[in-house]
N, C-alpha and C. Protein backbone atom coordinates (compact mmCIF):
# COMPACT_ATOMS: atom_id res chain seq x y z
N UNK A 1 -33.55 50.86 0.87
CA UNK A 1 -33.72 49.99 -0.20
C UNK A 1 -32.37 49.59 -0.82
N UNK A 2 -31.51 50.58 -1.02
CA UNK A 2 -30.19 50.40 -1.65
C UNK A 2 -29.34 49.51 -0.66
N UNK A 3 -29.46 49.81 0.60
CA UNK A 3 -28.79 49.03 1.56
C UNK A 3 -29.13 47.60 1.63
N UNK A 4 -30.45 47.37 1.49
CA UNK A 4 -30.92 45.95 1.46
C UNK A 4 -30.40 45.23 0.27
N UNK A 5 -30.41 45.89 -0.88
CA UNK A 5 -29.87 45.30 -2.16
C UNK A 5 -28.41 44.94 -2.01
N UNK A 6 -27.62 45.82 -1.38
CA UNK A 6 -26.22 45.56 -1.23
C UNK A 6 -26.00 44.36 -0.33
N UNK A 7 -26.80 44.21 0.74
CA UNK A 7 -26.68 43.10 1.72
C UNK A 7 -26.98 41.76 0.91
N UNK A 8 -27.98 41.79 0.09
CA UNK A 8 -28.42 40.59 -0.66
C UNK A 8 -27.25 40.19 -1.62
N UNK A 9 -26.66 41.20 -2.32
CA UNK A 9 -25.55 40.89 -3.23
C UNK A 9 -24.39 40.29 -2.47
N UNK A 10 -24.08 40.87 -1.27
CA UNK A 10 -22.93 40.35 -0.52
C UNK A 10 -23.22 38.89 0.01
N UNK A 11 -24.48 38.64 0.31
CA UNK A 11 -24.75 37.22 0.72
C UNK A 11 -24.60 36.27 -0.36
N UNK A 12 -25.03 36.68 -1.61
CA UNK A 12 -24.92 35.76 -2.73
C UNK A 12 -23.46 35.52 -3.05
N UNK A 13 -22.67 36.60 -3.07
CA UNK A 13 -21.23 36.48 -3.29
C UNK A 13 -20.56 35.58 -2.27
N UNK A 14 -20.88 35.72 -0.98
CA UNK A 14 -20.37 34.95 0.13
C UNK A 14 -20.68 33.47 -0.04
N UNK A 15 -21.95 33.23 -0.42
CA UNK A 15 -22.39 31.85 -0.58
C UNK A 15 -21.70 31.14 -1.71
N UNK A 16 -21.36 31.92 -2.79
CA UNK A 16 -20.71 31.32 -3.95
C UNK A 16 -19.23 31.06 -3.66
N UNK A 17 -18.60 31.96 -2.92
CA UNK A 17 -17.15 31.84 -2.63
C UNK A 17 -16.84 30.83 -1.52
N UNK A 18 -17.87 30.46 -0.68
CA UNK A 18 -17.67 29.46 0.33
C UNK A 18 -17.38 28.12 -0.26
N UNK A 19 -17.93 27.83 -1.48
CA UNK A 19 -17.68 26.53 -2.11
C UNK A 19 -16.42 26.55 -2.96
N UNK A 20 -15.89 27.77 -3.26
CA UNK A 20 -14.67 27.85 -4.03
C UNK A 20 -13.48 27.40 -3.29
N UNK A 21 -12.64 26.55 -3.86
CA UNK A 21 -11.51 25.97 -3.20
C UNK A 21 -10.54 25.40 -4.20
N UNK A 22 -9.30 25.16 -3.69
CA UNK A 22 -8.25 24.65 -4.52
C UNK A 22 -8.05 23.14 -4.04
N UNK A 23 -8.09 22.22 -4.99
CA UNK A 23 -7.87 20.81 -4.66
C UNK A 23 -6.47 20.39 -5.12
N UNK A 24 -5.90 19.50 -4.31
CA UNK A 24 -4.53 18.98 -4.53
C UNK A 24 -4.39 17.62 -3.91
N UNK A 25 -3.20 17.46 -3.21
CA UNK A 25 -2.99 16.17 -2.55
C UNK A 25 -1.55 15.93 -2.32
N UNK A 26 -1.20 15.10 -1.26
CA UNK A 26 0.13 14.81 -1.01
C UNK A 26 0.68 13.84 -1.98
N UNK A 27 2.02 13.87 -2.18
CA UNK A 27 2.70 13.10 -3.20
C UNK A 27 3.95 12.41 -2.61
N UNK A 28 4.27 11.17 -3.07
CA UNK A 28 5.47 10.46 -2.62
C UNK A 28 6.18 10.05 -3.95
N UNK A 29 7.54 10.22 -3.94
CA UNK A 29 8.24 9.92 -5.13
C UNK A 29 9.59 9.31 -4.75
N UNK A 30 10.12 8.43 -5.59
CA UNK A 30 11.46 7.87 -5.43
C UNK A 30 12.53 8.85 -5.91
N UNK A 31 13.63 8.80 -5.17
CA UNK A 31 14.78 9.66 -5.50
C UNK A 31 15.17 9.48 -6.96
N UNK A 32 15.28 10.62 -7.75
CA UNK A 32 15.69 10.59 -9.11
C UNK A 32 14.55 10.49 -10.14
N UNK A 33 13.34 10.26 -9.71
CA UNK A 33 12.28 10.19 -10.61
C UNK A 33 11.60 11.54 -10.78
N UNK A 34 10.63 11.62 -11.71
CA UNK A 34 9.84 12.85 -11.95
C UNK A 34 8.56 12.73 -11.14
N UNK A 35 8.03 13.91 -10.73
CA UNK A 35 6.78 13.94 -10.05
C UNK A 35 5.94 15.15 -10.50
N UNK A 36 4.61 14.92 -10.54
CA UNK A 36 3.69 15.97 -10.92
C UNK A 36 2.96 16.47 -9.72
N UNK A 37 2.99 17.73 -9.44
CA UNK A 37 2.19 18.33 -8.36
C UNK A 37 0.99 18.99 -8.93
N UNK A 38 -0.17 18.43 -8.69
CA UNK A 38 -1.38 18.87 -9.29
C UNK A 38 -2.18 19.73 -8.34
N UNK A 39 -2.83 20.82 -8.90
CA UNK A 39 -3.70 21.71 -8.11
C UNK A 39 -4.71 22.26 -9.09
N UNK A 40 -5.93 22.48 -8.59
CA UNK A 40 -6.97 23.05 -9.47
C UNK A 40 -7.97 23.85 -8.68
N UNK A 41 -8.38 24.96 -9.21
CA UNK A 41 -9.38 25.75 -8.58
C UNK A 41 -10.73 25.40 -9.12
N UNK A 42 -11.68 25.12 -8.16
CA UNK A 42 -13.01 24.67 -8.62
C UNK A 42 -14.06 25.55 -7.98
N UNK A 43 -15.27 25.43 -8.56
CA UNK A 43 -16.52 26.06 -8.11
C UNK A 43 -16.32 27.61 -8.18
N UNK A 44 -15.90 28.08 -9.27
CA UNK A 44 -15.78 29.53 -9.46
C UNK A 44 -15.75 29.91 -10.95
N UNK A 45 -16.34 31.05 -11.26
CA UNK A 45 -16.30 31.62 -12.64
C UNK A 45 -15.55 32.97 -12.61
N UNK A 46 -14.94 33.25 -11.53
CA UNK A 46 -14.19 34.53 -11.40
C UNK A 46 -13.00 34.61 -12.33
N UNK A 47 -12.56 35.78 -12.57
CA UNK A 47 -11.41 35.98 -13.42
C UNK A 47 -10.10 35.61 -12.74
N UNK A 48 -9.33 34.74 -13.41
CA UNK A 48 -8.03 34.32 -12.85
C UNK A 48 -7.02 35.38 -13.17
N UNK A 49 -6.30 35.87 -12.10
CA UNK A 49 -5.26 36.87 -12.30
C UNK A 49 -3.86 36.27 -12.31
N UNK A 50 -3.65 35.23 -11.46
CA UNK A 50 -2.27 34.67 -11.36
C UNK A 50 -2.25 33.40 -10.57
N UNK A 51 -1.32 32.49 -10.83
CA UNK A 51 -1.07 31.27 -10.13
C UNK A 51 0.37 31.44 -9.53
N UNK A 52 0.41 31.19 -8.23
CA UNK A 52 1.74 31.25 -7.55
C UNK A 52 2.05 29.95 -6.90
N UNK A 53 3.32 29.58 -6.97
CA UNK A 53 3.79 28.37 -6.38
C UNK A 53 4.84 28.77 -5.29
N UNK A 54 4.73 28.18 -4.09
CA UNK A 54 5.65 28.41 -3.02
C UNK A 54 6.17 27.11 -2.49
N UNK A 55 7.24 27.18 -1.72
CA UNK A 55 7.81 26.00 -1.09
C UNK A 55 8.35 26.35 0.25
N UNK A 56 8.18 25.41 1.20
CA UNK A 56 8.78 25.45 2.53
C UNK A 56 9.38 24.07 2.88
N UNK A 57 10.33 24.00 3.78
CA UNK A 57 10.98 22.84 4.26
C UNK A 57 10.98 22.76 5.75
N UNK A 58 11.44 21.68 6.34
CA UNK A 58 11.56 21.57 7.78
C UNK A 58 12.52 22.56 8.33
N UNK A 59 13.64 22.83 7.54
CA UNK A 59 14.59 23.80 8.05
C UNK A 59 14.14 25.24 7.83
N UNK A 60 13.52 25.45 6.64
CA UNK A 60 12.98 26.74 6.35
C UNK A 60 11.50 26.79 6.24
N UNK A 61 10.84 26.99 7.39
CA UNK A 61 9.34 26.88 7.45
C UNK A 61 8.63 28.02 6.76
N UNK A 62 9.37 29.06 6.44
CA UNK A 62 8.68 30.18 5.73
C UNK A 62 8.52 29.88 4.29
N UNK A 63 7.35 30.22 3.72
CA UNK A 63 7.13 29.91 2.30
C UNK A 63 7.87 30.90 1.42
N UNK A 64 8.43 30.33 0.32
CA UNK A 64 9.19 31.16 -0.61
C UNK A 64 8.63 31.00 -2.00
N UNK A 65 8.30 32.05 -2.67
CA UNK A 65 7.76 31.97 -4.03
C UNK A 65 8.94 31.42 -4.99
N UNK A 66 8.59 30.59 -5.89
CA UNK A 66 9.55 30.14 -6.80
C UNK A 66 9.06 30.16 -8.28
N UNK A 67 7.70 30.32 -8.42
CA UNK A 67 7.18 30.39 -9.81
C UNK A 67 5.88 31.17 -9.83
N UNK A 68 5.75 32.01 -10.83
CA UNK A 68 4.49 32.78 -11.11
C UNK A 68 4.00 32.40 -12.47
N UNK A 69 2.69 32.14 -12.57
CA UNK A 69 2.09 31.77 -13.86
C UNK A 69 1.00 32.75 -14.17
N UNK A 70 1.15 33.45 -15.30
CA UNK A 70 0.20 34.44 -15.74
C UNK A 70 -0.83 33.75 -16.73
N UNK A 71 -2.13 34.10 -16.59
CA UNK A 71 -3.07 33.46 -17.51
C UNK A 71 -2.77 33.68 -18.98
N UNK A 72 -2.02 34.67 -19.27
CA UNK A 72 -1.70 34.92 -20.73
C UNK A 72 -0.56 34.02 -21.26
N UNK A 73 -0.06 33.14 -20.36
CA UNK A 73 0.98 32.20 -20.83
C UNK A 73 2.37 32.66 -20.47
N UNK A 74 2.54 33.65 -19.61
CA UNK A 74 3.89 34.10 -19.23
C UNK A 74 4.21 33.45 -17.88
N UNK A 75 5.31 32.63 -17.88
CA UNK A 75 5.74 31.98 -16.63
C UNK A 75 7.08 32.61 -16.17
N UNK A 76 7.08 32.93 -14.87
CA UNK A 76 8.23 33.58 -14.34
C UNK A 76 8.78 32.79 -13.20
N UNK A 77 10.12 32.38 -13.31
CA UNK A 77 10.76 31.63 -12.28
C UNK A 77 11.48 32.68 -11.37
N UNK A 78 10.97 32.79 -10.13
CA UNK A 78 11.48 33.84 -9.20
C UNK A 78 12.81 33.48 -8.53
N UNK A 79 12.72 32.40 -7.75
CA UNK A 79 13.80 31.98 -6.94
C UNK A 79 14.30 30.54 -7.30
N UNK A 80 15.58 30.34 -7.34
CA UNK A 80 16.13 29.05 -7.65
C UNK A 80 15.58 27.96 -6.71
N UNK A 81 15.69 28.12 -5.43
CA UNK A 81 15.12 27.19 -4.43
C UNK A 81 15.53 25.74 -4.71
N UNK A 82 16.71 25.60 -5.40
CA UNK A 82 17.18 24.21 -5.63
C UNK A 82 16.43 23.59 -6.82
N UNK A 83 15.56 24.35 -7.50
CA UNK A 83 14.72 23.76 -8.55
C UNK A 83 15.08 24.30 -9.96
N UNK A 84 16.06 24.99 -10.05
CA UNK A 84 16.51 25.66 -11.35
C UNK A 84 16.61 24.62 -12.44
N UNK A 85 15.91 24.83 -13.51
CA UNK A 85 16.04 23.91 -14.73
C UNK A 85 15.28 22.66 -14.59
N UNK A 86 14.61 22.41 -13.44
CA UNK A 86 13.93 21.10 -13.18
C UNK A 86 12.40 21.28 -12.93
N UNK A 87 11.88 22.47 -13.12
CA UNK A 87 10.46 22.71 -12.97
C UNK A 87 9.81 23.24 -14.20
N UNK A 88 8.68 22.61 -14.55
CA UNK A 88 7.98 23.08 -15.76
C UNK A 88 6.47 23.13 -15.48
N UNK A 89 5.83 24.07 -16.02
CA UNK A 89 4.36 24.25 -15.89
C UNK A 89 3.60 23.35 -16.88
N UNK A 90 2.74 22.50 -16.40
CA UNK A 90 2.03 21.51 -17.24
C UNK A 90 0.56 21.75 -17.08
N UNK A 91 0.09 22.86 -16.47
CA UNK A 91 -1.34 23.08 -16.25
C UNK A 91 -1.94 23.85 -17.41
N UNK A 92 -3.14 24.37 -17.20
CA UNK A 92 -3.85 25.12 -18.23
C UNK A 92 -4.65 26.19 -17.51
N UNK A 93 -4.19 27.44 -17.51
CA UNK A 93 -4.91 28.53 -16.85
C UNK A 93 -6.37 28.71 -17.21
N UNK A 94 -6.70 28.47 -18.44
CA UNK A 94 -8.09 28.57 -18.97
C UNK A 94 -9.02 27.60 -18.29
N UNK A 95 -8.43 26.51 -17.74
CA UNK A 95 -9.24 25.55 -17.06
C UNK A 95 -8.99 25.51 -15.50
N UNK A 96 -8.34 26.60 -15.12
CA UNK A 96 -7.95 26.77 -13.63
C UNK A 96 -7.12 25.63 -13.13
N UNK A 97 -6.22 25.13 -14.02
CA UNK A 97 -5.40 23.94 -13.68
C UNK A 97 -3.99 24.54 -13.56
N UNK A 98 -3.36 24.40 -12.35
CA UNK A 98 -2.05 24.96 -12.11
C UNK A 98 -0.93 24.01 -11.80
N UNK A 99 -0.99 22.82 -12.41
CA UNK A 99 -0.03 21.76 -12.04
C UNK A 99 1.35 22.03 -12.60
N UNK A 100 2.36 21.55 -11.86
CA UNK A 100 3.76 21.61 -12.31
C UNK A 100 4.39 20.28 -12.23
N UNK A 101 5.53 20.11 -12.89
CA UNK A 101 6.32 18.90 -12.90
C UNK A 101 7.72 19.13 -12.49
N UNK A 102 8.22 18.38 -11.55
CA UNK A 102 9.61 18.46 -11.06
C UNK A 102 10.37 17.21 -11.65
N UNK A 103 11.42 17.46 -12.29
CA UNK A 103 12.20 16.32 -12.91
C UNK A 103 13.40 16.04 -12.08
N UNK A 104 13.90 14.72 -12.13
CA UNK A 104 15.06 14.24 -11.41
C UNK A 104 15.03 14.72 -9.97
N UNK A 105 14.04 14.27 -9.22
CA UNK A 105 13.76 14.74 -7.86
C UNK A 105 15.02 14.48 -6.94
N UNK A 106 15.35 15.41 -6.14
CA UNK A 106 16.45 15.31 -5.18
C UNK A 106 15.89 15.27 -3.75
N UNK A 107 16.73 14.87 -2.81
CA UNK A 107 16.34 14.83 -1.40
C UNK A 107 15.95 16.21 -0.91
N UNK A 108 16.64 17.29 -1.43
CA UNK A 108 16.36 18.63 -0.94
C UNK A 108 15.02 19.13 -1.52
N UNK A 109 14.34 18.46 -2.49
CA UNK A 109 13.02 18.85 -2.96
C UNK A 109 11.95 18.49 -1.99
N UNK A 110 12.24 17.65 -1.01
CA UNK A 110 11.16 17.31 -0.06
C UNK A 110 10.75 18.48 0.77
N UNK A 111 9.46 18.64 0.99
CA UNK A 111 8.95 19.72 1.70
C UNK A 111 7.47 19.93 1.43
N UNK A 112 6.99 21.15 1.71
CA UNK A 112 5.54 21.44 1.46
C UNK A 112 5.44 22.47 0.40
N UNK A 113 4.71 22.16 -0.67
CA UNK A 113 4.49 23.10 -1.74
C UNK A 113 3.05 23.71 -1.63
N UNK A 114 2.94 24.93 -1.91
CA UNK A 114 1.72 25.66 -1.82
C UNK A 114 1.37 26.24 -3.19
N UNK A 115 0.12 25.88 -3.63
CA UNK A 115 -0.44 26.35 -4.89
C UNK A 115 -1.47 27.43 -4.59
N UNK A 116 -1.30 28.64 -5.12
CA UNK A 116 -2.19 29.76 -4.86
C UNK A 116 -2.78 30.31 -6.11
N UNK A 117 -4.12 30.33 -6.11
CA UNK A 117 -4.87 30.97 -7.24
C UNK A 117 -5.40 32.36 -6.81
N UNK A 118 -5.04 33.32 -7.51
CA UNK A 118 -5.52 34.72 -7.23
C UNK A 118 -6.59 35.05 -8.27
N UNK A 119 -7.83 35.28 -7.76
CA UNK A 119 -8.97 35.61 -8.71
C UNK A 119 -9.56 36.95 -8.27
N UNK A 120 -10.26 37.53 -9.15
CA UNK A 120 -10.94 38.77 -8.93
C UNK A 120 -12.43 38.51 -9.07
N UNK A 121 -13.20 39.10 -8.06
CA UNK A 121 -12.77 40.02 -7.01
C UNK A 121 -12.58 39.38 -5.67
N UNK A 122 -12.83 38.05 -5.49
CA UNK A 122 -12.84 37.49 -4.13
C UNK A 122 -11.48 37.36 -3.51
N UNK A 123 -10.39 37.21 -4.30
CA UNK A 123 -9.02 37.15 -3.64
C UNK A 123 -8.31 35.87 -3.95
N UNK A 124 -7.56 35.35 -2.97
CA UNK A 124 -6.66 34.20 -3.19
C UNK A 124 -7.17 32.96 -2.50
N UNK A 125 -6.97 31.86 -3.15
CA UNK A 125 -7.32 30.50 -2.59
C UNK A 125 -6.08 29.58 -2.82
N UNK A 126 -5.77 28.78 -1.82
CA UNK A 126 -4.64 27.96 -1.93
C UNK A 126 -4.82 26.58 -1.35
N UNK A 127 -3.85 25.69 -1.65
CA UNK A 127 -3.82 24.38 -1.02
C UNK A 127 -2.39 23.99 -0.85
N UNK A 128 -2.08 23.19 0.19
CA UNK A 128 -0.70 22.72 0.46
C UNK A 128 -0.62 21.28 -0.07
N UNK A 129 0.54 20.99 -0.68
CA UNK A 129 0.83 19.73 -1.21
C UNK A 129 2.20 19.16 -0.64
N UNK A 130 2.12 18.33 0.37
CA UNK A 130 3.34 17.80 0.91
C UNK A 130 4.03 16.82 -0.07
N UNK A 131 5.33 16.93 -0.19
CA UNK A 131 6.13 15.99 -1.07
C UNK A 131 7.08 15.24 -0.23
N UNK A 132 7.06 13.96 -0.34
CA UNK A 132 7.99 13.03 0.33
C UNK A 132 8.89 12.36 -0.66
N UNK A 133 10.16 12.38 -0.42
CA UNK A 133 11.16 11.77 -1.34
C UNK A 133 11.70 10.54 -0.60
N UNK A 134 11.63 9.36 -1.29
CA UNK A 134 12.14 8.14 -0.71
C UNK A 134 13.43 7.77 -1.43
N UNK A 135 14.41 7.31 -0.63
CA UNK A 135 15.67 6.87 -1.25
C UNK A 135 15.86 5.40 -1.05
N UNK A 136 16.55 4.71 -1.87
CA UNK A 136 16.85 3.35 -1.77
C UNK A 136 17.63 3.12 -0.48
N UNK A 137 17.15 2.22 0.36
CA UNK A 137 17.77 2.00 1.68
C UNK A 137 17.84 0.53 1.97
N UNK A 138 18.25 0.20 3.22
CA UNK A 138 18.53 -1.17 3.57
C UNK A 138 17.17 -1.92 3.55
N UNK A 139 16.02 -1.17 3.69
CA UNK A 139 14.72 -1.86 3.65
C UNK A 139 14.51 -2.56 2.31
N UNK A 140 15.00 -1.87 1.20
CA UNK A 140 14.86 -2.47 -0.07
C UNK A 140 15.68 -3.73 -0.25
N UNK A 141 16.86 -3.72 0.34
CA UNK A 141 17.70 -4.96 0.28
C UNK A 141 17.08 -6.10 1.08
N UNK A 142 16.46 -5.80 2.29
CA UNK A 142 15.80 -6.82 3.00
C UNK A 142 14.65 -7.41 2.19
N UNK A 143 13.85 -6.61 1.54
CA UNK A 143 12.80 -7.10 0.74
C UNK A 143 13.28 -7.96 -0.39
N UNK A 144 14.38 -7.61 -0.95
CA UNK A 144 15.03 -8.39 -2.03
C UNK A 144 15.41 -9.74 -1.55
N UNK A 145 16.07 -9.80 -0.32
CA UNK A 145 16.44 -11.05 0.22
C UNK A 145 15.27 -11.94 0.49
N UNK A 146 14.21 -11.36 1.06
CA UNK A 146 12.99 -12.19 1.26
C UNK A 146 12.40 -12.83 0.01
N UNK A 147 12.38 -11.96 -1.05
CA UNK A 147 11.90 -12.52 -2.33
C UNK A 147 12.75 -13.61 -2.87
N UNK A 148 14.09 -13.46 -2.78
CA UNK A 148 14.97 -14.51 -3.21
C UNK A 148 14.79 -15.84 -2.44
N UNK A 149 14.57 -15.69 -1.11
CA UNK A 149 14.36 -16.90 -0.28
C UNK A 149 13.09 -17.58 -0.66
N UNK A 150 12.01 -16.82 -0.96
CA UNK A 150 10.76 -17.46 -1.44
C UNK A 150 10.94 -18.17 -2.76
N UNK A 151 11.80 -17.56 -3.62
CA UNK A 151 11.99 -18.23 -4.97
C UNK A 151 12.79 -19.53 -4.73
N UNK A 152 13.83 -19.54 -3.88
CA UNK A 152 14.56 -20.75 -3.62
C UNK A 152 13.78 -21.82 -3.00
N UNK A 153 12.91 -21.49 -2.04
CA UNK A 153 12.02 -22.41 -1.39
C UNK A 153 11.03 -22.98 -2.44
N UNK A 154 10.49 -22.21 -3.26
CA UNK A 154 9.58 -22.71 -4.36
C UNK A 154 10.25 -23.63 -5.26
N UNK A 155 11.46 -23.33 -5.63
CA UNK A 155 12.28 -24.20 -6.53
C UNK A 155 12.57 -25.55 -5.88
N UNK A 156 12.89 -25.55 -4.57
CA UNK A 156 13.17 -26.79 -3.82
C UNK A 156 11.89 -27.66 -3.83
N UNK A 157 10.76 -27.09 -3.64
CA UNK A 157 9.54 -27.89 -3.59
C UNK A 157 9.25 -28.48 -4.94
N UNK A 158 9.43 -27.71 -6.01
CA UNK A 158 9.21 -28.19 -7.29
C UNK A 158 10.17 -29.40 -7.59
N UNK A 159 11.43 -29.30 -7.23
CA UNK A 159 12.39 -30.36 -7.40
C UNK A 159 11.97 -31.63 -6.68
N UNK A 160 11.55 -31.45 -5.41
CA UNK A 160 11.19 -32.59 -4.58
C UNK A 160 9.94 -33.30 -5.24
N UNK A 161 9.00 -32.53 -5.63
CA UNK A 161 7.87 -33.12 -6.28
C UNK A 161 8.21 -33.85 -7.62
N UNK A 162 9.12 -33.25 -8.35
CA UNK A 162 9.52 -33.84 -9.65
C UNK A 162 10.30 -35.21 -9.35
N UNK A 163 11.08 -35.29 -8.30
CA UNK A 163 11.79 -36.50 -8.05
C UNK A 163 10.99 -37.61 -7.33
N UNK A 164 10.16 -37.23 -6.31
CA UNK A 164 9.44 -38.23 -5.52
C UNK A 164 7.94 -38.32 -5.87
N UNK A 165 7.43 -37.40 -6.74
CA UNK A 165 6.07 -37.47 -7.05
C UNK A 165 5.13 -37.04 -6.04
N UNK A 166 5.60 -36.40 -5.01
CA UNK A 166 4.74 -35.84 -3.96
C UNK A 166 5.52 -34.75 -3.20
N UNK A 167 4.76 -33.94 -2.45
CA UNK A 167 5.41 -32.93 -1.66
C UNK A 167 5.92 -33.52 -0.33
N UNK A 168 6.82 -32.91 0.32
CA UNK A 168 7.36 -33.47 1.58
C UNK A 168 6.37 -33.73 2.68
N UNK A 169 5.29 -32.97 2.74
CA UNK A 169 4.34 -33.10 3.83
C UNK A 169 3.24 -34.10 3.48
N UNK A 170 3.33 -34.71 2.25
CA UNK A 170 2.29 -35.69 1.85
C UNK A 170 2.32 -36.91 2.67
N UNK A 171 3.54 -37.42 3.06
CA UNK A 171 3.69 -38.62 3.85
C UNK A 171 3.10 -38.42 5.25
N UNK A 172 3.12 -37.24 5.81
CA UNK A 172 2.58 -36.98 7.08
C UNK A 172 1.08 -36.88 7.09
N UNK A 173 0.57 -36.40 5.98
CA UNK A 173 -0.88 -36.16 5.89
C UNK A 173 -1.57 -37.53 5.50
N UNK A 174 -0.94 -38.50 4.96
CA UNK A 174 -1.55 -39.78 4.57
C UNK A 174 -1.85 -40.56 5.82
N UNK A 175 -3.05 -41.09 5.97
CA UNK A 175 -3.42 -41.87 7.14
C UNK A 175 -3.03 -43.34 7.01
N UNK A 176 -2.30 -43.83 7.99
CA UNK A 176 -1.90 -45.24 7.95
C UNK A 176 -3.04 -46.18 8.27
N UNK A 177 -3.06 -47.34 7.51
CA UNK A 177 -4.19 -48.24 7.75
C UNK A 177 -4.09 -48.87 9.14
N UNK A 178 -5.22 -48.99 9.76
CA UNK A 178 -5.27 -49.64 11.13
C UNK A 178 -5.02 -51.13 11.01
N UNK A 179 -4.13 -51.67 11.84
CA UNK A 179 -3.89 -53.09 11.91
C UNK A 179 -4.09 -53.56 13.32
N UNK A 180 -4.78 -54.64 13.55
CA UNK A 180 -5.07 -55.20 14.84
C UNK A 180 -4.50 -56.65 15.02
N UNK A 181 -4.15 -56.93 16.20
CA UNK A 181 -3.58 -58.30 16.51
C UNK A 181 -4.47 -58.84 17.58
N UNK A 182 -5.02 -59.99 17.36
CA UNK A 182 -5.87 -60.73 18.31
C UNK A 182 -5.11 -61.71 19.09
N UNK A 183 -5.26 -61.75 20.43
CA UNK A 183 -4.56 -62.75 21.30
C UNK A 183 -5.62 -63.48 22.07
N UNK A 184 -5.73 -64.78 21.93
CA UNK A 184 -6.74 -65.63 22.64
C UNK A 184 -6.08 -66.41 23.76
N UNK A 185 -6.77 -66.65 24.79
CA UNK A 185 -6.27 -67.44 25.85
C UNK A 185 -7.38 -68.20 26.50
N UNK A 186 -7.16 -69.49 26.78
CA UNK A 186 -8.11 -70.31 27.37
C UNK A 186 -7.76 -70.78 28.78
N UNK A 187 -8.81 -70.94 29.62
CA UNK A 187 -8.55 -71.29 31.04
C UNK A 187 -9.79 -72.18 31.46
N UNK A 188 -9.58 -72.98 32.44
CA UNK A 188 -10.65 -73.89 32.91
C UNK A 188 -11.50 -73.12 33.96
N UNK A 189 -12.82 -73.43 33.93
CA UNK A 189 -13.75 -72.83 34.92
C UNK A 189 -13.68 -73.65 36.23
N UNK A 190 -13.75 -72.96 37.31
CA UNK A 190 -13.67 -73.64 38.62
C UNK A 190 -15.01 -73.66 39.32
N UNK A 191 -15.98 -73.11 38.70
CA UNK A 191 -17.35 -73.16 39.33
C UNK A 191 -18.03 -74.44 38.84
N UNK A 192 -19.20 -74.75 39.35
CA UNK A 192 -19.89 -75.94 39.00
C UNK A 192 -20.52 -75.89 37.65
N UNK A 193 -20.29 -76.89 36.84
CA UNK A 193 -20.82 -76.85 35.50
C UNK A 193 -21.67 -78.12 35.32
N UNK A 194 -22.66 -78.03 34.40
CA UNK A 194 -23.50 -79.18 34.15
C UNK A 194 -22.81 -80.19 33.26
N UNK A 195 -23.30 -81.40 33.29
CA UNK A 195 -22.68 -82.41 32.52
C UNK A 195 -22.83 -82.12 31.03
N UNK A 196 -21.76 -82.29 30.32
CA UNK A 196 -21.77 -82.03 28.87
C UNK A 196 -21.47 -80.54 28.54
N UNK A 197 -21.42 -79.62 29.49
CA UNK A 197 -21.13 -78.23 29.27
C UNK A 197 -19.63 -78.04 29.21
N UNK A 198 -19.18 -77.13 28.28
CA UNK A 198 -17.74 -76.85 28.16
C UNK A 198 -17.22 -76.09 29.32
N UNK A 199 -16.21 -76.66 29.99
CA UNK A 199 -15.72 -75.99 31.23
C UNK A 199 -14.47 -75.10 31.00
N UNK A 200 -14.31 -74.70 29.73
CA UNK A 200 -13.20 -73.77 29.48
C UNK A 200 -13.69 -72.38 29.08
N UNK A 201 -12.88 -71.30 29.49
CA UNK A 201 -13.17 -69.96 29.17
C UNK A 201 -12.16 -69.43 28.13
N UNK A 202 -12.67 -68.61 27.22
CA UNK A 202 -11.82 -68.05 26.17
C UNK A 202 -11.86 -66.55 26.32
N UNK A 203 -10.65 -65.88 26.41
CA UNK A 203 -10.56 -64.40 26.48
C UNK A 203 -9.74 -63.90 25.28
N UNK A 204 -10.29 -62.94 24.58
CA UNK A 204 -9.70 -62.39 23.31
C UNK A 204 -9.32 -60.93 23.53
N UNK A 205 -8.09 -60.56 23.29
CA UNK A 205 -7.63 -59.18 23.38
C UNK A 205 -7.13 -58.66 22.02
N UNK A 206 -7.70 -57.54 21.67
CA UNK A 206 -7.22 -56.96 20.39
C UNK A 206 -6.42 -55.68 20.65
N UNK A 207 -5.32 -55.56 19.99
CA UNK A 207 -4.44 -54.37 20.14
C UNK A 207 -4.04 -53.90 18.77
N UNK A 208 -3.85 -52.58 18.61
CA UNK A 208 -3.47 -51.93 17.34
C UNK A 208 -1.99 -52.08 17.14
N UNK A 209 -1.64 -52.48 15.94
CA UNK A 209 -0.25 -52.73 15.60
C UNK A 209 0.18 -51.53 14.68
N UNK A 210 1.17 -50.78 15.11
CA UNK A 210 1.74 -49.64 14.35
C UNK A 210 2.44 -50.12 13.10
N UNK A 211 2.29 -49.56 11.96
CA UNK A 211 2.91 -50.02 10.77
C UNK A 211 4.46 -49.89 10.89
N UNK A 212 5.16 -50.90 10.46
CA UNK A 212 6.57 -50.87 10.55
C UNK A 212 7.17 -49.98 9.47
N UNK A 213 8.19 -49.27 9.86
CA UNK A 213 8.85 -48.37 8.88
C UNK A 213 9.72 -49.25 7.90
N UNK A 214 9.61 -48.86 6.69
CA UNK A 214 10.37 -49.56 5.69
C UNK A 214 11.81 -49.06 5.63
N UNK A 215 12.67 -50.05 5.61
CA UNK A 215 14.06 -49.68 5.56
C UNK A 215 14.51 -49.42 4.16
N UNK A 216 15.24 -48.29 4.07
CA UNK A 216 15.71 -47.90 2.73
C UNK A 216 16.83 -48.87 2.33
N UNK A 217 16.73 -49.28 1.04
CA UNK A 217 17.74 -50.17 0.49
C UNK A 217 18.72 -49.32 -0.34
N UNK A 218 19.98 -49.40 0.03
CA UNK A 218 21.00 -48.55 -0.71
C UNK A 218 21.29 -49.21 -2.02
């Protein structure tokens, strides 16, 4: 009987802890700006013991602790990791919120951050938050040139419309009126005709006349 009761309790605990997880997400930031790395433990009422932040990079794939947050409000900065004086805790342990803020982001800050929640009695839950740092590059200058070209083109169209009252392509879109020229010719009939009947034939040919281009007067 006692064994069965223990099994039931273990199954209930396992079912509850399966839905427990830490949510976060990848972040992208421009060089020199501030960035918030958010993480939160959800679907649990267990006691929070500690929040740990770790970091790894492409060069150093091993995670290194750099900050410990105690639910009682004691924050401990363990390792410089290039973040000395630029990391602050902005979360709330009572709400299982473990977010941090990195100020004046540097290129060396790029990497994978890991947020770990340690709870009792089930243990630790974590999530990885990749951080990408973008620097001003030639691509930004190319985009700026494209924008300037569009502005110049728009200004030129506005000037053309203001001076001529229409856009450059308006003259091509306007349909020219059709003009036809009729040419008639008469000839005599060589077959037998009755007395009093007209012995001449008239042929009429119509052709389209293209509108003449107007010469500009200086």
